[in-house]
Amino acid sequence: MSQTRAEALLAACLLLSACGSAGIGIRPGISPEARSRQSMENGARWFEKRDYRRALAEFRIAAQNAPADPEPLYRQALILLAARSSSLALSKLDATLRLNPNHPGALLEIARIEVESDAPATLRDAASVLSRLSTIPPRNAEVFSMLATVYAKLGIIEEARAAFDTALTRPDVQLADVCRPIAALARRGDVTSARAFMARAVAHRSNSPDLMVAQADLEFAEGHRNTALAVIAATLAVKPRFPPALQLRLRIETLANEIAQAQATARELANLPDPATRDSLARFLLATNRPELAVAEYKRLRTTFPDMESVQVAYMDLLLQVGNRAEVRAELRTLFASREPTPALLMLRANLNLDERNLEAAAADLKSLDLLTPFTDRGSWLHARLAAARGDLLGATVLYAETLRLNPAFLPARLDLARSLIASGHPEAALSYLDGATAEQKKMPEFTTVCDEALVANN
């Protein structure tokens, strides 16, 4: 999503929200300070309910009534970060720091954004921010973990090790804090240091199932498949039916084309009580080119969990993939008649309308979607598809790239972007974007097809 479009969407959201919620619960004639406090309270309630549109409007009102207070600006930044709009969030964070240069929350959020960069200048700035934060209570593990990650990316291993060791000693240390610097070292190609950091973490937190899975993932990434499977088995002995361990085993078995073993693991995941794993078998069947069996599995899930929207949406997504648009249209008609539109349903109907070239209907769905949840990866992808369908190739290319910035693992956007670049005479750029796909994605038939198109176009 371009900066201009994001700002336009944000302005529209604010205008509609201000009309609907400005002044609610605020008595006329009260002081600006009291109005700001009331708006902050209203905004916090809306934020807790994940109604970012109304929360953003309330925090904006609070900022207008208390222009010297950094907190309303910081809260706006948090909403924009929750909506995955980093560029707009950074402007609010910078404004927060202009009012309070030592605002710990703003410093932490800026560090969280900058630590994702690979640019040395940005990483050095992140190191400076994190060094300041490391001296401010509560000195939590995340700060030291990010500092270790920044130093790891910069190749300053001794500093990374010192920050990593401090993170391990903090009482609030989490798996993500442990894995972040190790992953940075592995991506940099410094396998020796990555292994050394992993050994330090394991010594500090022995028999941690999460950490054992991370260790297995590292072994597999280095090509030590049997060692990875042995670590997974040890993990499941410590914590039976642990979803992350089963998911990694499923990935290893699938990549090795061990269909029978992988299907058994997928079925085990589907039988867990965790809603997030219930469609594991269906997704596996689809990934192994057995759409008829996947449809049957989704039908079973719909019967077993009739009110689970994620299953309904996944089922209809699959029907679209196998070309059964009529059933999807009928399902959507029933769902929209019986409930308020949800982002997932709006995205699905917009996708269907785009497939059927109902561009105005798709545009209407996307307008409704933007008012509910602006700045999402799938929403940006659908806007890109709409732009492409209208002949705006440049706009579509920008939006596809924005989608990948929001979610680098979103394969449909990567393939569509490659096609767009090929069509505009830039097959080398298409190949560059295709190279960013994961190892699993590169094995998929649709990826191979687009990659061949780019190679042919590039002679």
Protein backbone atom coordinates (compact mmCIF):
# COMPACT_ATOMS: atom_id res chain seq x y z
CA MET A 1 0.00 0.00 0.00
CA SER A 2 1.46 3.38 -0.97
CA GLN A 3 1.99 6.12 1.59
CA THR A 4 -0.56 8.31 -0.20
CA ARG A 5 -3.26 5.64 -0.18
CA ALA A 6 -2.55 4.75 3.46
CA GLU A 7 -2.88 8.39 4.49
CA ALA A 8 -6.11 8.74 2.52
CA LEU A 9 -7.56 5.64 4.17
CA LEU A 10 -6.47 6.85 7.57
CA ALA A 11 -8.08 10.25 6.99
CA ALA A 12 -11.34 8.58 5.92
CA CYS A 13 -11.30 6.36 8.98
CA LEU A 14 -10.69 9.30 11.26
CA LEU A 15 -13.45 11.36 9.68
CA LEU A 16 -16.04 8.61 9.98
CA SER A 17 -14.93 7.78 13.51
CA ALA A 18 -14.97 11.37 14.64
CA CYS A 19 -18.52 11.75 13.35
CA GLY A 20 -19.60 8.61 15.16
CA SER A 21 -17.71 8.81 18.42
CA ALA A 22 -16.33 12.30 19.02
CA GLY A 23 -17.88 13.71 22.09
CA ILE A 24 -19.48 10.48 23.29
CA GLY A 25 -19.36 10.50 27.04
CA ILE A 26 -17.86 14.02 27.11
CA ARG A 27 -19.87 16.84 28.67
CA PRO A 28 -19.90 20.18 26.80
CA GLY A 29 -18.09 23.09 28.43
CA ILE A 30 -15.37 21.09 30.19
CA SER A 31 -11.71 22.10 30.02
CA PRO A 32 -9.40 20.86 27.25
CA GLU A 33 -7.41 18.88 29.84
CA ALA A 34 -10.54 17.08 31.05
CA ARG A 35 -11.68 16.48 27.47
CA SER A 36 -8.27 14.97 26.67
CA ARG A 37 -8.44 12.66 29.71
CA GLN A 38 -11.94 11.51 28.74
CA SER A 39 -10.89 10.89 25.14
CA MET A 40 -7.88 8.90 26.34
CA GLU A 41 -10.17 6.71 28.45
CA ASN A 42 -12.60 6.25 25.54
CA GLY A 43 -9.73 5.43 23.20
CA ALA A 44 -8.31 2.85 25.59
CA ARG A 45 -11.69 1.10 25.75
CA TRP A 46 -12.03 1.01 21.97
CA PHE A 47 -8.43 -0.21 21.63
CA GLU A 48 -9.08 -3.04 24.07
CA LYS A 49 -12.06 -4.07 21.90
CA ARG A 50 -9.77 -3.94 18.83
CA ASP A 51 -11.92 -1.21 17.27
CA TYR A 52 -8.90 0.69 16.00
CA ARG A 53 -10.92 3.14 13.93
CA ARG A 54 -12.77 4.60 16.92
CA ALA A 55 -9.73 4.37 19.18
CA LEU A 56 -7.66 6.34 16.67
CA ALA A 57 -10.31 9.08 16.50
CA GLU A 58 -10.44 9.39 20.31
CA PHE A 59 -6.65 9.61 20.66
CA ARG A 60 -6.60 12.24 17.91
CA ILE A 61 -9.11 14.31 19.87
CA ALA A 62 -7.00 13.87 22.99
CA ALA A 63 -3.90 15.11 21.14
CA GLN A 64 -5.77 18.17 19.89
CA ASN A 65 -6.85 19.06 23.42
CA ALA A 66 -3.44 18.37 25.01
CA PRO A 67 -0.83 19.26 22.36
CA ALA A 68 2.05 19.15 24.87
CA ASP A 69 1.21 15.62 26.06
CA PRO A 70 3.13 12.89 24.21
CA GLU A 71 0.83 10.06 25.34
CA PRO A 72 -2.01 10.56 22.78
CA LEU A 73 0.54 10.52 19.96
CA TYR A 74 2.14 7.38 21.35
CA ARG A 75 -1.25 5.66 21.57
CA GLN A 76 -1.97 6.57 17.94
CA ALA A 77 1.36 5.00 17.00
CA LEU A 78 0.41 1.78 18.80
CA ILE A 79 -2.80 1.57 16.78
CA LEU A 80 -0.96 2.11 13.51
CA LEU A 81 1.53 -0.58 14.51
CA ALA A 82 -1.33 -2.95 15.33
CA ALA A 83 -2.69 -2.17 11.86
CA ARG A 84 0.79 -2.96 10.45
CA SER A 85 1.41 0.52 9.07
CA SER A 86 5.00 1.06 10.17
CA SER A 87 5.73 4.20 8.17
CA LEU A 88 2.75 6.11 9.58
CA ALA A 89 3.49 4.78 13.07
CA LEU A 90 7.08 6.04 12.89
CA SER A 91 5.91 9.59 12.24
CA LYS A 92 3.77 9.45 15.40
CA LEU A 93 6.63 7.94 17.41
CA ASP A 94 8.98 10.68 16.22
CA ALA A 95 6.40 13.27 17.27
CA THR A 96 6.16 11.56 20.67
CA LEU A 97 9.92 11.78 21.15
CA ARG A 98 9.96 15.45 20.18
CA LEU A 99 7.74 16.06 23.20
CA ASN A 100 9.57 13.57 25.46
CA PRO A 101 12.97 12.41 24.14
CA ASN A 102 13.14 9.68 26.81
CA HIS A 103 9.65 8.20 26.35
CA PRO A 104 10.44 4.50 26.99
CA GLY A 105 7.47 3.17 25.07
CA ALA A 106 8.24 5.19 21.94
CA LEU A 107 11.92 4.27 22.12
CA LEU A 108 11.00 0.58 22.42
CA GLU A 109 8.60 0.66 19.45
CA ILE A 110 11.16 2.45 17.26
CA ALA A 111 13.72 -0.18 18.23
CA ARG A 112 11.26 -2.96 17.35
CA ILE A 113 10.85 -1.49 13.88
CA GLU A 114 14.53 -0.75 13.27
CA VAL A 115 15.77 -4.16 14.45
CA GLU A 116 13.97 -5.71 11.45
CA SER A 117 16.18 -3.76 9.05
CA ASP A 118 19.39 -5.04 7.47
CA ALA A 119 20.75 -1.56 6.71
CA PRO A 120 23.88 -0.93 8.84
CA ALA A 121 22.99 2.72 9.52
CA THR A 122 19.52 1.77 10.77
CA LEU A 123 20.95 -1.03 12.89
CA ARG A 124 23.50 1.30 14.46
CA ASP A 125 20.68 3.71 15.32
CA ALA A 126 18.73 0.80 16.84
CA ALA A 127 21.79 -0.15 18.92
CA SER A 128 21.98 3.39 20.25
CA VAL A 129 18.28 3.42 21.17
CA LEU A 130 18.47 -0.03 22.79
CA SER A 131 21.59 0.86 24.76
CA ARG A 132 19.66 3.76 26.27
CA LEU A 133 16.70 1.51 27.01
CA SER A 134 18.92 -1.10 28.66
CA THR A 135 19.63 1.39 31.45
CA ILE A 136 15.98 2.26 32.08
CA PRO A 137 13.90 0.00 34.36
CA PRO A 138 12.47 -2.60 34.01
CA ARG A 139 15.40 -3.62 31.72
CA ASN A 140 13.39 -6.52 30.30
CA ALA A 141 14.68 -9.45 28.29
CA GLU A 142 13.27 -8.20 24.98
CA VAL A 143 15.51 -5.12 25.05
CA PHE A 144 18.68 -7.19 25.54
CA SER A 145 17.52 -9.75 22.98
CA MET A 146 17.00 -7.04 20.36
CA LEU A 147 20.36 -5.53 21.24
CA ALA A 148 21.98 -8.94 20.75
CA THR A 149 20.17 -9.26 17.42
CA VAL A 150 21.39 -5.88 16.20
CA TYR A 151 24.98 -6.67 17.14
CA ALA A 152 24.64 -10.12 15.51
CA LYS A 153 23.47 -8.52 12.26
CA LEU A 154 26.37 -6.07 12.41
CA GLY A 155 28.84 -8.91 13.06
CA ILE A 156 29.88 -7.61 16.49
CA ILE A 157 29.77 -11.04 18.11
CA GLU A 158 31.25 -10.28 21.55
CA GLU A 159 28.74 -7.48 22.15
CA ALA A 160 25.96 -9.75 20.87
CA ARG A 161 27.02 -12.53 23.25
CA ALA A 162 27.08 -10.16 26.26
CA ALA A 163 23.59 -8.85 25.50
CA PHE A 164 22.33 -12.38 24.83
CA ASP A 165 23.67 -13.66 28.17
CA THR A 166 21.95 -10.78 29.96
CA ALA A 167 18.66 -11.59 28.21
CA LEU A 168 18.89 -15.20 29.38
CA THR A 169 19.20 -14.09 33.02
CA ARG A 170 16.13 -11.85 32.95
CA PRO A 171 13.06 -13.36 34.70
CA ASP A 172 10.75 -12.41 31.82
CA VAL A 173 12.77 -14.11 29.08
CA GLN A 174 10.62 -15.75 26.37
CA LEU A 175 11.36 -18.12 23.51
CA ALA A 176 11.22 -15.28 20.97
CA ASP A 177 13.89 -13.43 22.95
CA VAL A 178 16.15 -16.48 22.74
CA CYS A 179 15.56 -17.32 19.09
CA ARG A 180 15.81 -13.84 17.58
CA PRO A 181 19.62 -13.42 17.83
CA ILE A 182 20.23 -17.07 16.88
CA ALA A 183 18.14 -16.65 13.74
CA ALA A 184 20.03 -13.45 12.86
CA LEU A 185 23.36 -15.27 13.13
CA ALA A 186 22.11 -18.21 11.06
CA ARG A 187 20.80 -15.91 8.31
CA ARG A 188 24.16 -14.14 8.28
CA GLY A 189 25.83 -17.49 7.64
CA ASP A 190 27.62 -17.57 10.99
CA VAL A 191 26.52 -21.10 11.86
CA THR A 192 29.30 -21.55 14.43
CA SER A 193 28.12 -18.59 16.50
CA ALA A 194 24.47 -19.59 16.06
CA ARG A 195 25.25 -23.03 17.47
CA ALA A 196 27.24 -21.52 20.34
CA PHE A 197 24.35 -19.22 21.24
CA MET A 198 21.92 -22.12 21.04
CA ALA A 199 24.12 -24.18 23.38
CA ARG A 200 24.18 -21.32 25.90
CA ALA A 201 20.40 -21.06 25.75
CA VAL A 202 19.89 -24.82 26.15
CA ALA A 203 22.28 -24.86 29.14
CA HIS A 204 20.27 -22.06 30.72
CA ARG A 205 16.84 -23.52 29.95
CA SER A 206 17.22 -27.27 29.62
CA ASN A 207 14.13 -29.30 28.70
CA SER A 208 12.24 -26.25 27.42
CA PRO A 209 9.95 -27.65 24.66
CA ASP A 210 9.91 -24.32 22.81
CA LEU A 211 13.67 -24.08 22.82
CA MET A 212 14.05 -27.72 21.79
CA VAL A 213 11.84 -27.04 18.75
CA ALA A 214 14.00 -24.03 17.89
CA GLN A 215 17.07 -26.25 18.14
CA ALA A 216 15.47 -28.82 15.84
CA ASP A 217 14.61 -26.08 13.37
CA LEU A 218 18.23 -24.92 13.34
CA GLU A 219 19.47 -28.49 12.79
CA PHE A 220 17.06 -28.94 9.89
CA ALA A 221 18.02 -25.60 8.35
CA GLU A 222 21.64 -26.80 8.33
CA GLY A 223 20.68 -30.03 6.56
CA HIS A 224 20.86 -32.31 9.60
CA ARG A 225 17.47 -33.92 9.07
CA ASN A 226 17.93 -36.98 11.27
CA THR A 227 19.29 -34.90 14.14
CA ALA A 228 16.31 -32.56 13.82
CA LEU A 229 13.87 -35.47 13.97
CA ALA A 230 15.67 -36.87 17.01
CA VAL A 231 15.35 -33.52 18.81
CA ILE A 232 11.66 -33.40 17.88
CA ALA A 233 11.17 -36.89 19.32
CA ALA A 234 12.90 -35.77 22.53
CA THR A 235 10.64 -32.70 22.63
CA LEU A 236 7.50 -34.81 22.32
CA ALA A 237 8.78 -37.05 25.12
CA VAL A 238 9.01 -33.96 27.35
CA LYS A 239 5.69 -32.51 26.15
CA PRO A 240 3.50 -34.98 24.20
CA ARG A 241 1.41 -33.65 21.30
CA PHE A 242 3.20 -30.28 21.42
CA PRO A 243 1.84 -28.40 18.33
CA PRO A 244 5.08 -26.59 17.30
CA ALA A 245 7.02 -29.88 17.40
CA LEU A 246 4.37 -31.67 15.34
CA GLN A 247 4.21 -28.79 12.86
CA LEU A 248 7.98 -28.88 12.32
CA ARG A 249 7.89 -32.66 11.91
CA LEU A 250 5.10 -32.28 9.35
CA ARG A 251 7.19 -29.75 7.40
CA ILE A 252 10.24 -32.04 7.41
CA GLU A 253 8.21 -35.07 6.31
CA THR A 254 6.41 -33.10 3.60
CA LEU A 255 9.63 -31.72 2.14
CA ALA A 256 11.05 -35.25 2.08
CA ASN A 257 7.91 -36.41 0.25
CA GLU A 258 7.18 -38.92 3.01
CA ILE A 259 3.46 -38.70 2.33
CA ALA A 260 2.22 -41.45 4.63
CA GLN A 261 4.17 -40.22 7.66
CA ALA A 262 3.29 -36.59 6.93
CA GLN A 263 -0.42 -37.40 6.61
CA ALA A 264 -0.35 -39.20 9.97
CA THR A 265 1.29 -36.15 11.57
CA ALA A 266 -1.24 -33.82 9.95
CA ARG A 267 -4.07 -35.97 11.27
CA GLU A 268 -2.52 -35.87 14.75
CA LEU A 269 -2.44 -32.08 14.57
CA ALA A 270 -6.04 -31.94 13.36
CA ASN A 271 -7.16 -33.99 16.36
CA LEU A 272 -5.64 -31.58 18.89
CA PRO A 273 -8.00 -29.32 20.86
CA ASP A 274 -6.22 -26.22 19.54
CA PRO A 275 -8.52 -24.46 16.99
CA ALA A 276 -5.47 -23.22 15.10
CA THR A 277 -4.50 -26.77 14.08
CA ARG A 278 -7.92 -28.22 13.26
CA ASP A 279 -7.57 -27.83 9.50
CA SER A 280 -4.00 -29.19 9.39
CA LEU A 281 -5.05 -32.36 7.56
CA ALA A 282 -7.13 -30.42 5.05
CA ARG A 283 -4.27 -28.03 4.31
CA PHE A 284 -1.87 -30.95 3.95
CA LEU A 285 -4.18 -32.69 1.49
CA LEU A 286 -4.41 -29.50 -0.53
CA ALA A 287 -0.63 -28.98 -0.46
CA THR A 288 -0.13 -32.50 -1.80
CA ASN A 289 -2.49 -31.90 -4.74
CA ARG A 290 -5.49 -33.82 -3.43
CA PRO A 291 -8.17 -31.11 -3.52
CA GLU A 292 -11.11 -33.55 -3.54
CA LEU A 293 -9.96 -35.08 -0.24
CA ALA A 294 -9.28 -31.59 1.16
CA VAL A 295 -12.82 -30.53 0.29
CA ALA A 296 -14.20 -33.62 2.04
CA GLU A 297 -12.11 -32.88 5.15
CA TYR A 298 -13.32 -29.27 5.26
CA LYS A 299 -16.90 -30.46 4.93
CA ARG A 300 -16.34 -32.71 7.93
CA LEU A 301 -14.89 -29.81 9.90
CA ARG A 302 -17.83 -27.57 8.99
CA THR A 303 -20.23 -30.18 10.30
CA THR A 304 -18.22 -30.64 13.51
CA PHE A 305 -17.56 -26.90 14.07
CA PRO A 306 -20.45 -25.09 12.35
CA ASP A 307 -19.76 -21.71 14.01
CA MET A 308 -16.01 -21.61 13.33
CA GLU A 309 -15.60 -18.85 10.72
CA SER A 310 -11.98 -19.69 9.93
CA VAL A 311 -13.06 -23.16 8.78
CA GLN A 312 -15.91 -21.73 6.70
CA VAL A 313 -13.60 -19.22 5.02
CA ALA A 314 -10.86 -21.81 4.37
CA TYR A 315 -13.47 -24.15 2.87
CA MET A 316 -14.76 -21.44 0.52
CA ASP A 317 -11.20 -20.44 -0.39
CA LEU A 318 -10.60 -24.04 -1.41
CA LEU A 319 -13.81 -24.14 -3.45
CA LEU A 320 -12.56 -21.09 -5.35
CA GLN A 321 -9.26 -22.85 -6.04
CA VAL A 322 -11.07 -25.85 -7.54
CA GLY A 323 -13.36 -23.58 -9.58
CA ASN A 324 -16.63 -24.06 -7.69
CA ARG A 325 -17.63 -20.39 -7.63
CA ALA A 326 -21.36 -21.01 -7.67
CA GLU A 327 -21.30 -22.78 -4.30
CA VAL A 328 -19.09 -20.04 -2.83
CA ARG A 329 -21.50 -17.36 -4.05
CA ALA A 330 -24.42 -19.21 -2.48
CA GLU A 331 -22.54 -19.71 0.81
CA LEU A 332 -21.61 -16.04 0.97
CA ARG A 333 -25.18 -14.95 0.23
CA THR A 334 -26.39 -17.01 3.19
CA LEU A 335 -23.65 -15.76 5.53
CA PHE A 336 -24.08 -12.07 4.66
CA ALA A 337 -27.82 -12.38 5.16
CA SER A 338 -27.42 -13.86 8.64
CA ARG A 339 -24.62 -11.77 10.19
CA GLU A 340 -22.69 -8.51 10.08
CA PRO A 341 -19.90 -8.47 7.48
CA THR A 342 -16.53 -9.51 8.88
CA PRO A 343 -13.13 -8.73 7.34
CA ALA A 344 -12.61 -12.39 6.35
CA LEU A 345 -15.96 -12.58 4.56
CA LEU A 346 -15.47 -9.24 2.82
CA MET A 347 -12.04 -10.35 1.59
CA LEU A 348 -13.47 -13.60 0.29
CA ARG A 349 -16.34 -11.89 -1.56
CA ALA A 350 -13.98 -9.25 -2.98
CA ASN A 351 -11.71 -12.03 -4.21
CA LEU A 352 -14.66 -13.78 -5.85
CA ASN A 353 -15.83 -10.54 -7.46
CA LEU A 354 -12.34 -9.95 -8.82
CA ASP A 355 -12.24 -13.47 -10.25
CA GLU A 356 -15.57 -12.81 -11.97
CA ARG A 357 -14.52 -9.29 -13.11
CA ASN A 358 -17.23 -7.61 -11.02
CA LEU A 359 -14.85 -4.72 -10.37
CA GLU A 360 -17.30 -2.22 -8.89
CA ALA A 361 -18.65 -4.83 -6.47
CA ALA A 362 -15.08 -5.73 -5.51
CA ALA A 363 -14.25 -2.05 -4.98
CA ALA A 364 -17.29 -1.66 -2.71
CA ASP A 365 -16.24 -4.67 -0.63
CA LEU A 366 -12.70 -3.32 -0.30
CA LYS A 367 -14.01 0.08 0.77
CA SER A 368 -16.00 -1.64 3.55
CA LEU A 369 -12.95 -3.73 4.44
CA ASP A 370 -10.71 -0.66 4.76
CA LEU A 371 -13.11 0.90 7.25
CA LEU A 372 -12.98 -2.25 9.40
CA THR A 373 -9.31 -3.22 9.14
CA PRO A 374 -7.09 -0.94 7.04
CA PHE A 375 -3.47 -1.77 6.23
CA THR A 376 -3.66 -5.60 6.14
CA ASP A 377 -1.57 -7.81 3.88
CA ARG A 378 -4.52 -9.55 2.23
CA GLY A 379 -6.40 -6.27 1.85
CA SER A 380 -3.40 -4.71 0.14
CA TRP A 381 -3.15 -7.73 -2.16
CA LEU A 382 -6.81 -7.42 -3.14
CA HIS A 383 -6.34 -3.70 -3.84
CA ALA A 384 -3.40 -4.66 -6.03
CA ARG A 385 -5.53 -7.16 -7.93
CA LEU A 386 -8.20 -4.50 -8.42
CA ALA A 387 -5.62 -2.03 -9.75
CA ALA A 388 -4.28 -4.66 -12.15
CA ALA A 389 -7.80 -5.51 -13.35
CA ARG A 390 -8.38 -1.80 -14.07
CA GLY A 391 -5.18 -1.62 -16.10
CA ASP A 392 -3.12 0.30 -13.55
CA LEU A 393 -0.03 -1.87 -13.81
CA LEU A 394 2.26 0.54 -11.95
CA GLY A 395 -0.21 0.95 -9.08
CA ALA A 396 -0.65 -2.81 -8.86
CA THR A 397 3.12 -3.37 -8.73
CA VAL A 398 3.49 -0.88 -5.86
CA LEU A 399 0.63 -2.51 -3.93
CA TYR A 400 1.97 -6.03 -4.44
CA ALA A 401 5.34 -4.87 -3.10
CA GLU A 402 3.57 -3.29 -0.12
CA THR A 403 1.79 -6.58 0.55
CA LEU A 404 5.12 -8.40 0.71
CA ARG A 405 6.48 -5.76 3.06
CA LEU A 406 3.56 -6.50 5.37
CA ASN A 407 3.92 -10.28 4.98
CA PRO A 408 6.96 -11.65 3.12
CA ALA A 409 5.48 -15.18 3.20
CA PHE A 410 2.35 -14.20 1.20
CA LEU A 411 2.97 -16.32 -1.90
CA PRO A 412 -0.01 -15.16 -4.07
CA ALA A 413 1.23 -11.56 -3.83
CA ARG A 414 4.79 -12.63 -4.70
CA LEU A 415 3.60 -14.53 -7.77
CA ASP A 416 1.27 -11.73 -8.88
CA LEU A 417 4.08 -9.18 -8.45
CA ALA A 418 6.38 -11.33 -10.55
CA ARG A 419 3.73 -11.58 -13.27
CA SER A 420 3.25 -7.82 -13.15
CA LEU A 421 6.98 -7.21 -13.51
CA ILE A 422 7.22 -9.68 -16.38
CA ALA A 423 4.33 -7.96 -18.15
CA SER A 424 5.99 -4.56 -17.72
CA GLY A 425 9.27 -5.80 -19.21
CA HIS A 426 11.26 -6.37 -16.00
CA PRO A 427 11.81 -10.14 -15.79
CA GLU A 428 15.10 -9.72 -13.87
CA ALA A 429 13.25 -7.89 -11.09
CA ALA A 430 10.61 -10.65 -11.17
CA LEU A 431 13.28 -13.30 -10.65
CA SER A 432 14.72 -11.28 -7.78
CA TYR A 433 11.35 -11.19 -6.00
CA LEU A 434 10.75 -14.88 -6.70
CA ASP A 435 14.07 -15.70 -5.08
CA GLY A 436 12.65 -14.34 -1.81
CA ALA A 437 10.14 -17.21 -1.52
CA THR A 438 10.65 -19.92 1.09
CA ALA A 439 12.13 -23.32 0.26
CA GLU A 440 8.69 -24.92 0.63
CA GLN A 441 7.06 -22.35 -1.68
CA LYS A 442 9.70 -22.92 -4.35
CA LYS A 443 8.58 -26.56 -4.60
CA MET A 444 4.98 -25.60 -5.44
CA PRO A 445 3.79 -26.08 -9.05
CA GLU A 446 2.38 -22.54 -9.32
CA PHE A 447 5.76 -21.11 -8.25
CA THR A 448 7.58 -23.19 -10.87
CA THR A 449 5.18 -21.99 -13.58
CA VAL A 450 5.76 -18.29 -12.85
CA CYS A 451 9.50 -18.81 -12.43
CA ASP A 452 9.64 -20.47 -15.87
CA GLU A 453 7.73 -17.52 -17.35
CA ALA A 454 10.29 -15.10 -15.87
CA LEU A 455 13.24 -17.18 -17.10
CA VAL A 456 11.81 -17.35 -20.63
CA ALA A 457 11.15 -13.59 -20.64
CA ASN A 458 14.71 -13.01 -19.46
CA ASN A 459 16.10 -15.27 -22.21
